[in-house]
Amino acid sequence: MAWEWRFEKADGTSTEPSQDPGDFGTQGDAESWIGEIWGELLEEGVDQVSLLEDGTKIYGPMSLHSALDE
C-alpha cells in the first residue's frame, strides 16, 4: 500500500510544494509527516490536503489553516 498527500489551494486546484514527500509506507507515517511540515506548506501557498491510499481518497480536504486556530 502507498499513502500520499494531495496538496490543494483553497479553491481545490492542485498545487505542488517544493518538497515532494513521495509515498509513505503507512498512514501513520503520512500523518506524522504532515504534522511536522504543515506550517511550511502554508507558507508555500498550500491551503488544504487530502490523504490517499493507492489513489483512493481516505479523507480530506483538510484545511491547514484550522491548525492555526487551535
Protein backbone atom coordinates (compact mmCIF):
# COMPACT_ATOMS: atom_id res chain seq x y z
CA MET A 1 0.00 0.00 0.00
CA ALA A 2 1.15 3.52 -0.79
CA TRP A 3 -0.07 6.53 1.15
CA GLU A 4 0.29 10.01 -0.30
CA TRP A 5 -0.92 13.56 0.16
CA ARG A 6 -2.71 15.66 -2.44
CA PHE A 7 -1.91 19.36 -2.00
CA GLU A 8 -4.50 22.00 -2.93
CA LYS A 9 -5.25 25.70 -2.95
CA ALA A 10 -8.38 26.90 -1.12
CA ASP A 11 -10.42 26.63 -4.34
CA GLY A 12 -9.49 22.94 -4.73
CA THR A 13 -6.96 23.33 -7.54
CA SER A 14 -3.87 21.17 -7.21
CA THR A 15 -0.53 22.63 -6.23
CA GLU A 16 2.87 21.11 -5.52
CA PRO A 17 5.07 22.11 -2.60
CA SER A 18 8.82 22.49 -3.03
CA GLN A 19 9.37 19.30 -1.02
CA ASP A 20 7.69 16.31 -2.61
CA PRO A 21 7.48 13.69 0.13
CA GLY A 22 6.64 10.89 -2.27
CA ASP A 23 4.76 7.89 -0.91
CA PHE A 24 4.60 6.70 2.68
CA GLY A 25 4.50 3.10 3.84
CA THR A 26 1.80 3.63 6.46
CA GLN A 27 -0.99 6.05 7.23
CA GLY A 28 0.77 6.93 10.48
CA ASP A 29 3.95 7.89 8.64
CA ALA A 30 1.98 10.16 6.30
CA GLU A 31 0.11 11.80 9.17
CA SER A 32 3.29 12.30 11.20
CA TRP A 33 4.95 13.99 8.24
CA ILE A 34 2.04 16.40 7.66
CA GLY A 35 2.02 17.20 11.38
CA GLU A 36 5.65 18.26 11.18
CA ILE A 37 5.56 20.23 7.93
CA TRP A 38 2.10 21.84 7.71
CA GLY A 39 3.43 25.31 8.63
CA GLU A 40 5.95 25.24 5.79
CA LEU A 41 3.26 24.09 3.39
CA LEU A 42 1.08 27.07 4.37
CA GLU A 43 3.98 29.43 3.70
CA GLU A 44 4.30 27.91 0.22
CA GLY A 45 0.62 28.51 -0.56
CA VAL A 46 -0.85 25.09 0.20
CA ASP A 47 -4.24 25.63 1.87
CA GLN A 48 -5.57 22.11 2.25
CA VAL A 49 -4.58 18.47 1.86
CA SER A 50 -6.25 15.13 1.21
CA LEU A 51 -4.84 11.73 2.15
CA LEU A 52 -4.90 8.99 -0.47
CA GLU A 53 -4.22 5.27 -0.22
CA ASP A 54 -3.28 3.72 -3.55
CA GLY A 55 -5.02 6.61 -5.33
CA THR A 56 -8.26 6.39 -3.33
CA LYS A 57 -9.12 9.38 -1.14
CA ILE A 58 -9.31 8.35 2.52
CA TYR A 59 -10.11 11.79 3.89
CA GLY A 60 -9.94 15.44 3.01
CA PRO A 61 -9.74 18.08 2.04
CA MET A 62 -8.38 19.08 5.43
CA SER A 63 -7.60 22.75 5.92
CA LEU A 64 -4.11 23.58 7.11
CA HIS A 65 -5.40 26.96 8.31
CA SER A 66 -7.54 25.36 11.03
CA ALA A 67 -4.36 24.25 12.82
CA LEU A 68 -3.64 27.94 13.43
CA ASP A 69 -6.98 28.37 15.22
CA GLU A 70 -6.22 25.75 17.87
